[in-house]
Amino acid sequence: MAAKPRVTLVVARARGGVIGAANRLPWHLPEDLKHFRATTMGHAIVMGRKTFESIGRALPGRRTIVVSRDPHWRHAGCERTASLQAAIELAAKPGTDPSIATDEVFVVGGAQLYRDAITLAQRAIVTEIDVEVAGDAHFPEFDPAQWREHSRSEHHSTSGLRYAVVDYRRG
């Protein structure tokens, strides 16, 4: 039996917890996309089907696991599971690429998967974007009795947006 991997949430959210609008990111922050790539590279990433469809492809250098209730859903370079729990169990086992780590799995959206995963996760890497935007997808609130801020790093994007990368830990 494979050891259970650490479950880490990776998310960018605006004020009010907005993470998406019409299945898209409602901001342009290339620095966060680079941060996301560096953070998740060499690991399994788990996402819902709608999040995958907004990206449109498996991300290179990562193991892409898509959670979908549709047993017929398939896409090149992806693995499908019917539940978050099954995705975490799959990520704990080596896949076809032996360079992909099995000790940590990154849950990368969307809103429903974050709601399910926040109860299982040990860590959350959150890009907090200092902008007010309208959206139809939101990140759940952290329970302050269970989560604490481990570290925070403040930044300004080349476009002028202020944001912080915050590492939250359970406990």
N, C-alpha and C. Protein backbone atom coordinates (compact mmCIF):
# COMPACT_ATOMS: atom_id res chain seq x y z
N MET A 1 0.85 -1.19 0.00
CA MET A 1 0.00 0.00 0.00
C MET A 1 0.89 1.24 0.00
N ALA A 2 0.61 2.17 -0.88
CA ALA A 2 1.40 3.39 -1.00
C ALA A 2 1.13 4.31 0.19
N ALA A 3 2.17 5.04 0.60
CA ALA A 3 2.01 6.02 1.68
C ALA A 3 1.08 7.13 1.20
N LYS A 4 0.32 7.68 2.11
CA LYS A 4 -0.63 8.74 1.75
C LYS A 4 0.15 10.03 1.49
N PRO A 5 -0.06 10.66 0.34
CA PRO A 5 0.68 11.90 0.05
C PRO A 5 0.11 13.09 0.84
N ARG A 6 0.95 14.10 1.04
CA ARG A 6 0.45 15.34 1.62
C ARG A 6 -0.45 15.99 0.57
N VAL A 7 -1.61 16.46 1.00
CA VAL A 7 -2.55 17.13 0.11
C VAL A 7 -2.38 18.63 0.29
N THR A 8 -2.03 19.31 -0.81
CA THR A 8 -1.81 20.75 -0.79
C THR A 8 -2.74 21.40 -1.80
N LEU A 9 -3.44 22.43 -1.35
CA LEU A 9 -4.28 23.22 -2.24
C LEU A 9 -3.43 24.32 -2.85
N VAL A 10 -3.59 24.59 -4.13
CA VAL A 10 -2.93 25.72 -4.78
C VAL A 10 -4.02 26.53 -5.45
N VAL A 11 -4.11 27.81 -5.08
CA VAL A 11 -5.20 28.64 -5.58
C VAL A 11 -4.76 30.10 -5.64
N ALA A 12 -5.33 30.81 -6.59
CA ALA A 12 -5.22 32.28 -6.64
C ALA A 12 -6.62 32.80 -6.40
N ARG A 13 -6.73 33.75 -5.47
CA ARG A 13 -8.06 34.30 -5.18
C ARG A 13 -7.98 35.80 -5.00
N ALA A 14 -9.05 36.45 -5.47
CA ALA A 14 -9.18 37.89 -5.31
C ALA A 14 -9.87 38.16 -3.97
N ARG A 15 -10.02 39.44 -3.65
CA ARG A 15 -10.79 39.80 -2.46
C ARG A 15 -12.16 39.14 -2.54
N GLY A 16 -12.68 38.73 -1.41
CA GLY A 16 -13.98 38.08 -1.39
C GLY A 16 -13.92 36.61 -1.76
N GLY A 17 -12.73 36.08 -2.00
CA GLY A 17 -12.57 34.66 -2.30
C GLY A 17 -12.86 34.27 -3.73
N VAL A 18 -13.03 35.24 -4.63
CA VAL A 18 -13.33 34.93 -6.03
C VAL A 18 -12.13 34.22 -6.67
N ILE A 19 -12.43 33.08 -7.31
CA ILE A 19 -11.38 32.34 -8.02
C ILE A 19 -11.68 32.18 -9.51
N GLY A 20 -12.89 32.53 -9.92
CA GLY A 20 -13.21 32.38 -11.33
C GLY A 20 -14.50 33.07 -11.71
N ALA A 21 -14.61 33.32 -13.01
CA ALA A 21 -15.82 33.91 -13.59
C ALA A 21 -16.00 33.27 -14.96
N ALA A 22 -17.13 32.62 -15.15
CA ALA A 22 -17.43 31.95 -16.42
C ALA A 22 -16.32 30.98 -16.82
N ASN A 23 -15.82 30.23 -15.84
CA ASN A 23 -14.78 29.21 -16.05
C ASN A 23 -13.45 29.78 -16.54
N ARG A 24 -13.17 30.99 -16.14
CA ARG A 24 -11.91 31.67 -16.50
C ARG A 24 -11.37 32.40 -15.27
N LEU A 25 -10.07 32.71 -15.29
CA LEU A 25 -9.49 33.56 -14.26
C LEU A 25 -9.86 35.01 -14.59
N PRO A 26 -10.43 35.74 -13.64
CA PRO A 26 -10.87 37.12 -13.93
C PRO A 26 -9.76 38.16 -13.76
N TRP A 27 -8.52 37.78 -13.96
CA TRP A 27 -7.38 38.70 -13.88
C TRP A 27 -6.27 38.15 -14.77
N HIS A 28 -5.30 38.99 -15.02
CA HIS A 28 -4.12 38.56 -15.78
C HIS A 28 -2.91 38.79 -14.88
N LEU A 29 -2.31 37.70 -14.42
CA LEU A 29 -1.18 37.79 -13.49
C LEU A 29 -0.13 36.75 -13.88
N PRO A 30 0.69 37.08 -14.89
CA PRO A 30 1.67 36.10 -15.39
C PRO A 30 2.63 35.61 -14.30
N GLU A 31 2.93 36.46 -13.33
CA GLU A 31 3.83 36.06 -12.26
C GLU A 31 3.24 34.90 -11.46
N ASP A 32 1.92 34.89 -11.29
CA ASP A 32 1.31 33.79 -10.55
C ASP A 32 1.30 32.51 -11.38
N LEU A 33 1.15 32.62 -12.68
CA LEU A 33 1.21 31.43 -13.53
C LEU A 33 2.61 30.80 -13.45
N LYS A 34 3.64 31.62 -13.40
CA LYS A 34 5.01 31.10 -13.25
C LYS A 34 5.19 30.45 -11.88
N HIS A 35 4.63 31.08 -10.84
CA HIS A 35 4.68 30.52 -9.49
C HIS A 35 3.96 29.16 -9.45
N PHE A 36 2.78 29.09 -10.07
CA PHE A 36 2.01 27.84 -10.13
C PHE A 36 2.83 26.75 -10.80
N ARG A 37 3.44 27.09 -11.91
CA ARG A 37 4.25 26.11 -12.65
C ARG A 37 5.40 25.59 -11.79
N ALA A 38 6.13 26.51 -11.16
CA ALA A 38 7.28 26.12 -10.33
C ALA A 38 6.83 25.28 -9.13
N THR A 39 5.71 25.62 -8.54
CA THR A 39 5.21 24.92 -7.36
C THR A 39 4.77 23.50 -7.68
N THR A 40 4.07 23.32 -8.78
CA THR A 40 3.46 22.03 -9.09
C THR A 40 4.32 21.12 -9.96
N MET A 41 5.38 21.64 -10.54
CA MET A 41 6.22 20.86 -11.45
C MET A 41 6.74 19.60 -10.76
N GLY A 42 6.63 18.47 -11.47
CA GLY A 42 7.16 17.21 -10.95
C GLY A 42 6.23 16.50 -9.98
N HIS A 43 4.97 16.97 -9.89
CA HIS A 43 4.00 16.38 -8.97
C HIS A 43 2.70 16.08 -9.71
N ALA A 44 1.84 15.33 -9.04
CA ALA A 44 0.49 15.12 -9.54
C ALA A 44 -0.35 16.34 -9.20
N ILE A 45 -1.17 16.76 -10.16
CA ILE A 45 -2.15 17.82 -9.91
C ILE A 45 -3.53 17.22 -10.13
N VAL A 46 -4.45 17.58 -9.25
CA VAL A 46 -5.81 17.07 -9.31
C VAL A 46 -6.73 18.24 -9.56
N MET A 47 -7.62 18.08 -10.53
CA MET A 47 -8.57 19.15 -10.83
C MET A 47 -9.89 18.55 -11.28
N GLY A 48 -10.92 19.35 -11.19
CA GLY A 48 -12.22 18.95 -11.72
C GLY A 48 -12.25 19.07 -13.23
N ARG A 49 -13.25 18.46 -13.82
CA ARG A 49 -13.36 18.45 -15.29
C ARG A 49 -13.50 19.85 -15.86
N LYS A 50 -14.31 20.71 -15.24
CA LYS A 50 -14.49 22.06 -15.77
C LYS A 50 -13.19 22.85 -15.71
N THR A 51 -12.44 22.69 -14.64
CA THR A 51 -11.14 23.36 -14.55
C THR A 51 -10.23 22.86 -15.65
N PHE A 52 -10.21 21.53 -15.86
CA PHE A 52 -9.39 20.99 -16.94
C PHE A 52 -9.81 21.58 -18.28
N GLU A 53 -11.11 21.65 -18.53
CA GLU A 53 -11.57 22.17 -19.81
C GLU A 53 -11.21 23.64 -19.99
N SER A 54 -11.10 24.39 -18.90
CA SER A 54 -10.68 25.79 -19.03
C SER A 54 -9.20 25.89 -19.40
N ILE A 55 -8.41 24.88 -18.99
CA ILE A 55 -6.99 24.83 -19.36
C ILE A 55 -6.84 24.21 -20.75
N GLY A 56 -7.57 23.13 -20.99
CA GLY A 56 -7.63 22.53 -22.31
C GLY A 56 -6.59 21.49 -22.65
N ARG A 57 -5.67 21.23 -21.73
CA ARG A 57 -4.62 20.25 -22.03
C ARG A 57 -3.97 19.78 -20.73
N ALA A 58 -3.32 18.63 -20.81
CA ALA A 58 -2.52 18.17 -19.67
C ALA A 58 -1.30 19.09 -19.58
N LEU A 59 -0.92 19.44 -18.36
CA LEU A 59 0.21 20.34 -18.19
C LEU A 59 1.52 19.57 -18.18
N PRO A 60 2.50 20.01 -18.96
CA PRO A 60 3.76 19.28 -19.06
C PRO A 60 4.50 19.23 -17.72
N GLY A 61 5.20 18.11 -17.51
CA GLY A 61 6.02 17.96 -16.32
C GLY A 61 5.24 17.63 -15.06
N ARG A 62 3.96 17.36 -15.22
CA ARG A 62 3.09 17.02 -14.10
C ARG A 62 2.19 15.85 -14.49
N ARG A 63 1.69 15.17 -13.50
CA ARG A 63 0.72 14.10 -13.72
C ARG A 63 -0.66 14.71 -13.53
N THR A 64 -1.45 14.73 -14.57
CA THR A 64 -2.76 15.39 -14.52
C THR A 64 -3.85 14.36 -14.25
N ILE A 65 -4.51 14.53 -13.09
CA ILE A 65 -5.60 13.66 -12.69
C ILE A 65 -6.87 14.50 -12.65
N VAL A 66 -7.85 14.10 -13.41
CA VAL A 66 -9.10 14.85 -13.53
C VAL A 66 -10.22 14.08 -12.83
N VAL A 67 -10.93 14.77 -11.95
CA VAL A 67 -12.07 14.17 -11.26
C VAL A 67 -13.33 14.47 -12.08
N SER A 68 -13.97 13.39 -12.52
CA SER A 68 -15.21 13.51 -13.31
C SER A 68 -16.11 12.34 -13.00
N ARG A 69 -17.38 12.62 -12.82
CA ARG A 69 -18.34 11.54 -12.60
C ARG A 69 -18.65 10.79 -13.89
N ASP A 70 -18.28 11.34 -15.03
CA ASP A 70 -18.55 10.70 -16.32
C ASP A 70 -17.52 9.59 -16.55
N PRO A 71 -17.93 8.32 -16.49
CA PRO A 71 -16.97 7.23 -16.65
C PRO A 71 -16.37 7.14 -18.05
N HIS A 72 -16.95 7.85 -19.01
CA HIS A 72 -16.44 7.81 -20.38
C HIS A 72 -15.51 8.97 -20.70
N TRP A 73 -15.32 9.90 -19.75
CA TRP A 73 -14.47 11.07 -20.02
C TRP A 73 -13.03 10.62 -20.18
N ARG A 74 -12.41 11.09 -21.24
CA ARG A 74 -11.00 10.77 -21.52
C ARG A 74 -10.35 11.99 -22.18
N HIS A 75 -9.06 12.14 -21.93
CA HIS A 75 -8.28 13.15 -22.64
C HIS A 75 -6.83 12.70 -22.62
N ALA A 76 -6.15 12.88 -23.73
CA ALA A 76 -4.75 12.46 -23.84
C ALA A 76 -3.91 13.09 -22.74
N GLY A 77 -3.09 12.28 -22.09
CA GLY A 77 -2.18 12.76 -21.06
C GLY A 77 -2.81 12.92 -19.69
N CYS A 78 -4.08 12.51 -19.55
CA CYS A 78 -4.78 12.65 -18.27
C CYS A 78 -5.24 11.29 -17.77
N GLU A 79 -5.41 11.23 -16.46
CA GLU A 79 -6.04 10.09 -15.83
C GLU A 79 -7.33 10.60 -15.19
N ARG A 80 -8.39 9.78 -15.23
CA ARG A 80 -9.68 10.18 -14.67
C ARG A 80 -9.98 9.35 -13.44
N THR A 81 -10.52 10.00 -12.42
CA THR A 81 -11.08 9.28 -11.28
C THR A 81 -12.48 9.85 -11.04
N ALA A 82 -13.28 9.08 -10.30
CA ALA A 82 -14.65 9.51 -10.03
C ALA A 82 -14.77 10.35 -8.78
N SER A 83 -13.69 10.41 -7.95
CA SER A 83 -13.77 11.15 -6.69
C SER A 83 -12.42 11.74 -6.33
N LEU A 84 -12.46 12.72 -5.45
CA LEU A 84 -11.22 13.31 -4.94
C LEU A 84 -10.41 12.27 -4.20
N GLN A 85 -11.06 11.48 -3.36
CA GLN A 85 -10.35 10.45 -2.59
C GLN A 85 -9.63 9.48 -3.52
N ALA A 86 -10.29 9.06 -4.59
CA ALA A 86 -9.67 8.14 -5.55
C ALA A 86 -8.49 8.82 -6.25
N ALA A 87 -8.60 10.12 -6.52
CA ALA A 87 -7.50 10.86 -7.15
C ALA A 87 -6.28 10.91 -6.23
N ILE A 88 -6.50 11.14 -4.94
CA ILE A 88 -5.39 11.19 -3.98
C ILE A 88 -4.73 9.81 -3.89
N GLU A 89 -5.54 8.77 -3.84
CA GLU A 89 -4.99 7.40 -3.80
C GLU A 89 -4.19 7.10 -5.06
N LEU A 90 -4.68 7.53 -6.21
CA LEU A 90 -3.95 7.32 -7.46
C LEU A 90 -2.64 8.08 -7.47
N ALA A 91 -2.65 9.32 -6.98
CA ALA A 91 -1.43 10.14 -6.95
C ALA A 91 -0.36 9.55 -6.04
N ALA A 92 -0.77 8.73 -5.07
CA ALA A 92 0.18 8.11 -4.15
C ALA A 92 0.97 6.98 -4.80
N LYS A 93 0.45 6.48 -5.92
CA LYS A 93 1.10 5.37 -6.62
C LYS A 93 1.88 5.90 -7.81
N PRO A 94 3.04 5.34 -8.08
CA PRO A 94 3.80 5.79 -9.26
C PRO A 94 2.99 5.61 -10.54
N GLY A 95 3.10 6.60 -11.42
CA GLY A 95 2.43 6.53 -12.71
C GLY A 95 3.40 6.11 -13.79
N THR A 96 3.10 6.46 -15.02
CA THR A 96 3.95 6.07 -16.14
C THR A 96 5.27 6.84 -16.17
N ASP A 97 5.31 8.03 -15.56
CA ASP A 97 6.54 8.82 -15.51
C ASP A 97 7.15 8.70 -14.12
N PRO A 98 8.27 7.96 -14.00
CA PRO A 98 8.86 7.74 -12.68
C PRO A 98 9.45 9.01 -12.04
N SER A 99 9.56 10.09 -12.80
CA SER A 99 10.11 11.32 -12.22
C SER A 99 9.06 12.12 -11.45
N ILE A 100 7.79 11.74 -11.54
CA ILE A 100 6.72 12.45 -10.84
C ILE A 100 6.65 11.96 -9.40
N ALA A 101 6.79 12.90 -8.46
CA ALA A 101 6.79 12.57 -7.03
C ALA A 101 5.43 12.07 -6.58
N THR A 102 5.43 11.21 -5.57
CA THR A 102 4.19 10.66 -5.03
C THR A 102 3.96 11.10 -3.56
N ASP A 103 4.85 11.92 -3.03
CA ASP A 103 4.75 12.31 -1.62
C ASP A 103 3.82 13.50 -1.37
N GLU A 104 3.50 14.25 -2.42
CA GLU A 104 2.62 15.40 -2.29
C GLU A 104 1.77 15.52 -3.55
N VAL A 105 0.50 15.82 -3.37
CA VAL A 105 -0.41 16.01 -4.50
C VAL A 105 -1.02 17.40 -4.36
N PHE A 106 -1.15 18.09 -5.48
CA PHE A 106 -1.67 19.45 -5.50
C PHE A 106 -3.08 19.47 -6.07
N VAL A 107 -4.03 19.96 -5.29
CA VAL A 107 -5.40 20.16 -5.76
C VAL A 107 -5.48 21.58 -6.30
N VAL A 108 -5.87 21.72 -7.57
CA VAL A 108 -5.75 23.02 -8.25
C VAL A 108 -7.09 23.57 -8.76
N GLY A 109 -8.21 23.04 -8.27
CA GLY A 109 -9.51 23.61 -8.62
C GLY A 109 -10.42 22.60 -9.28
N GLY A 110 -11.63 22.99 -9.41
CA GLY A 110 -12.27 24.25 -9.12
C GLY A 110 -12.93 24.31 -7.76
N ALA A 111 -13.93 25.16 -7.68
CA ALA A 111 -14.56 25.52 -6.41
C ALA A 111 -15.08 24.30 -5.66
N GLN A 112 -15.78 23.39 -6.34
CA GLN A 112 -16.33 22.22 -5.66
C GLN A 112 -15.21 21.33 -5.12
N LEU A 113 -14.18 21.12 -5.92
CA LEU A 113 -13.07 20.28 -5.47
C LEU A 113 -12.35 20.93 -4.29
N TYR A 114 -12.19 22.25 -4.30
CA TYR A 114 -11.59 22.93 -3.15
C TYR A 114 -12.45 22.73 -1.90
N ARG A 115 -13.78 22.83 -2.03
CA ARG A 115 -14.66 22.63 -0.87
C ARG A 115 -14.48 21.22 -0.30
N ASP A 116 -14.34 20.24 -1.18
CA ASP A 116 -14.14 18.87 -0.72
C ASP A 116 -12.74 18.68 -0.13
N ALA A 117 -11.75 19.28 -0.75
CA ALA A 117 -10.35 19.04 -0.37
C ALA A 117 -9.92 19.80 0.87
N ILE A 118 -10.58 20.91 1.19
CA ILE A 118 -10.12 21.73 2.33
C ILE A 118 -10.19 20.94 3.64
N THR A 119 -11.06 19.93 3.69
CA THR A 119 -11.15 19.12 4.91
C THR A 119 -10.05 18.06 4.97
N LEU A 120 -9.42 17.76 3.83
CA LEU A 120 -8.37 16.73 3.76
C LEU A 120 -6.97 17.31 3.71
N ALA A 121 -6.85 18.55 3.28
CA ALA A 121 -5.54 19.15 3.02
C ALA A 121 -4.78 19.45 4.30
N GLN A 122 -3.46 19.37 4.18
CA GLN A 122 -2.57 19.76 5.27
C GLN A 122 -1.95 21.15 5.02
N ARG A 123 -2.01 21.58 3.76
CA ARG A 123 -1.33 22.82 3.38
C ARG A 123 -2.14 23.50 2.27
N ALA A 124 -2.04 24.82 2.21
CA ALA A 124 -2.65 25.59 1.12
C ALA A 124 -1.70 26.70 0.73
N ILE A 125 -1.37 26.77 -0.54
CA ILE A 125 -0.53 27.84 -1.07
C ILE A 125 -1.46 28.75 -1.85
N VAL A 126 -1.69 29.94 -1.28
CA VAL A 126 -2.72 30.83 -1.78
C VAL A 126 -2.10 32.13 -2.29
N THR A 127 -2.36 32.46 -3.54
CA THR A 127 -2.00 33.76 -4.06
C THR A 127 -3.19 34.67 -3.80
N GLU A 128 -3.02 35.62 -2.89
CA GLU A 128 -4.08 36.55 -2.52
C GLU A 128 -3.88 37.82 -3.34
N ILE A 129 -4.79 38.04 -4.28
CA ILE A 129 -4.67 39.15 -5.22
C ILE A 129 -5.50 40.32 -4.71
N ASP A 130 -4.86 41.45 -4.61
CA ASP A 130 -5.49 42.65 -4.05
C ASP A 130 -6.31 43.36 -5.12
N VAL A 131 -7.43 42.71 -5.49
CA VAL A 131 -8.31 43.27 -6.50
C VAL A 131 -9.73 42.79 -6.21
N GLU A 132 -10.67 43.66 -6.50
CA GLU A 132 -12.10 43.32 -6.36
C GLU A 132 -12.62 42.97 -7.74
N VAL A 133 -13.10 41.74 -7.91
CA VAL A 133 -13.65 41.31 -9.19
C VAL A 133 -14.95 40.54 -8.96
N ALA A 134 -15.80 40.56 -9.96
CA ALA A 134 -17.01 39.75 -9.91
C ALA A 134 -16.65 38.34 -10.33
N GLY A 135 -17.32 37.38 -9.74
CA GLY A 135 -17.05 36.00 -10.12
C GLY A 135 -18.16 35.08 -9.69
N ASP A 136 -18.17 33.89 -10.27
CA ASP A 136 -19.17 32.90 -9.93
C ASP A 136 -18.58 31.66 -9.26
N ALA A 137 -17.29 31.68 -9.01
CA ALA A 137 -16.63 30.58 -8.30
C ALA A 137 -15.82 31.19 -7.16
N HIS A 138 -15.94 30.58 -5.98
CA HIS A 138 -15.28 31.12 -4.79
C HIS A 138 -14.52 30.02 -4.05
N PHE A 139 -13.43 30.43 -3.43
CA PHE A 139 -12.65 29.53 -2.58
C PHE A 139 -13.29 29.53 -1.19
N PRO A 140 -13.40 28.37 -0.54
CA PRO A 140 -14.02 28.34 0.79
C PRO A 140 -13.16 29.08 1.83
N GLU A 141 -13.83 29.55 2.87
CA GLU A 141 -13.11 30.21 3.97
C GLU A 141 -12.31 29.19 4.77
N PHE A 142 -11.14 29.61 5.24
CA PHE A 142 -10.36 28.77 6.15
C PHE A 142 -10.97 28.88 7.55
N ASP A 143 -11.06 27.77 8.25
CA ASP A 143 -11.47 27.77 9.64
C ASP A 143 -10.26 28.21 10.46
N PRO A 144 -10.31 29.40 11.11
CA PRO A 144 -9.13 29.88 11.84
C PRO A 144 -8.72 28.98 12.99
N ALA A 145 -9.61 28.12 13.46
CA ALA A 145 -9.26 27.18 14.52
C ALA A 145 -8.40 26.03 13.98
N GLN A 146 -8.42 25.84 12.64
CA GLN A 146 -7.69 24.72 12.04
C GLN A 146 -6.49 25.13 11.19
N TRP A 147 -6.48 26.38 10.71
CA TRP A 147 -5.46 26.81 9.76
C TRP A 147 -4.70 28.00 10.33
N ARG A 148 -3.39 28.06 10.04
CA ARG A 148 -2.60 29.22 10.43
C ARG A 148 -1.69 29.63 9.27
N GLU A 149 -1.39 30.90 9.24
CA GLU A 149 -0.48 31.42 8.22
C GLU A 149 0.94 31.03 8.61
N HIS A 150 1.60 30.30 7.73
CA HIS A 150 2.98 29.85 7.97
C HIS A 150 3.99 30.87 7.45
N SER A 151 3.72 31.40 6.25
CA SER A 151 4.60 32.43 5.68
C SER A 151 3.82 33.27 4.68
N ARG A 152 4.32 34.47 4.43
CA ARG A 152 3.69 35.39 3.49
C ARG A 152 4.79 36.16 2.78
N SER A 153 4.61 36.30 1.46
CA SER A 153 5.57 37.05 0.66
C SER A 153 4.78 38.02 -0.23
N GLU A 154 5.03 39.31 -0.06
CA GLU A 154 4.29 40.37 -0.78
C GLU A 154 4.97 40.68 -2.11
N HIS A 155 4.16 40.96 -3.13
CA HIS A 155 4.69 41.23 -4.47
C HIS A 155 3.87 42.30 -5.19
N HIS A 156 4.47 42.87 -6.24
CA HIS A 156 3.77 43.74 -7.20
C HIS A 156 4.01 43.15 -8.58
N SER A 157 2.96 42.99 -9.36
CA SER A 157 3.12 42.47 -10.71
C SER A 157 3.60 43.59 -11.63
N THR A 158 4.08 43.20 -12.79
CA THR A 158 4.51 44.21 -13.77
C THR A 158 3.31 45.03 -14.26
N SER A 159 2.09 44.47 -14.10
CA SER A 159 0.89 45.21 -14.50
C SER A 159 0.38 46.13 -13.40
N GLY A 160 1.03 46.08 -12.24
CA GLY A 160 0.65 46.96 -11.14
C GLY A 160 -0.19 46.31 -10.06
N LEU A 161 -0.66 45.09 -10.29
CA LEU A 161 -1.45 44.40 -9.26
C LEU A 161 -0.59 44.05 -8.06
N ARG A 162 -1.14 44.28 -6.88
CA ARG A 162 -0.47 43.84 -5.66
C ARG A 162 -1.02 42.46 -5.31
N TYR A 163 -0.12 41.58 -4.87
CA TYR A 163 -0.55 40.24 -4.46
C TYR A 163 0.42 39.70 -3.44
N ALA A 164 -0.02 38.70 -2.71
CA ALA A 164 0.83 38.02 -1.73
C ALA A 164 0.71 36.52 -1.95
N VAL A 165 1.81 35.81 -1.80
CA VAL A 165 1.78 34.35 -1.81
C VAL A 165 1.85 33.93 -0.35
N VAL A 166 0.79 33.25 0.09
CA VAL A 166 0.66 32.88 1.50
C VAL A 166 0.63 31.36 1.62
N ASP A 167 1.45 30.86 2.50
CA ASP A 167 1.51 29.42 2.79
C ASP A 167 0.77 29.19 4.09
N TYR A 168 -0.38 28.52 4.00
CA TYR A 168 -1.19 28.18 5.18
C TYR A 168 -0.94 26.72 5.52
N ARG A 169 -0.92 26.44 6.82
CA ARG A 169 -0.76 25.06 7.29
C ARG A 169 -1.87 24.71 8.26
N ARG A 170 -2.30 23.48 8.19
CA ARG A 170 -3.31 23.01 9.15
C ARG A 170 -2.59 22.76 10.48
N GLY A 171 -3.28 23.11 11.55
CA GLY A 171 -2.71 22.78 12.86
C GLY A 171 -2.49 23.90 13.74
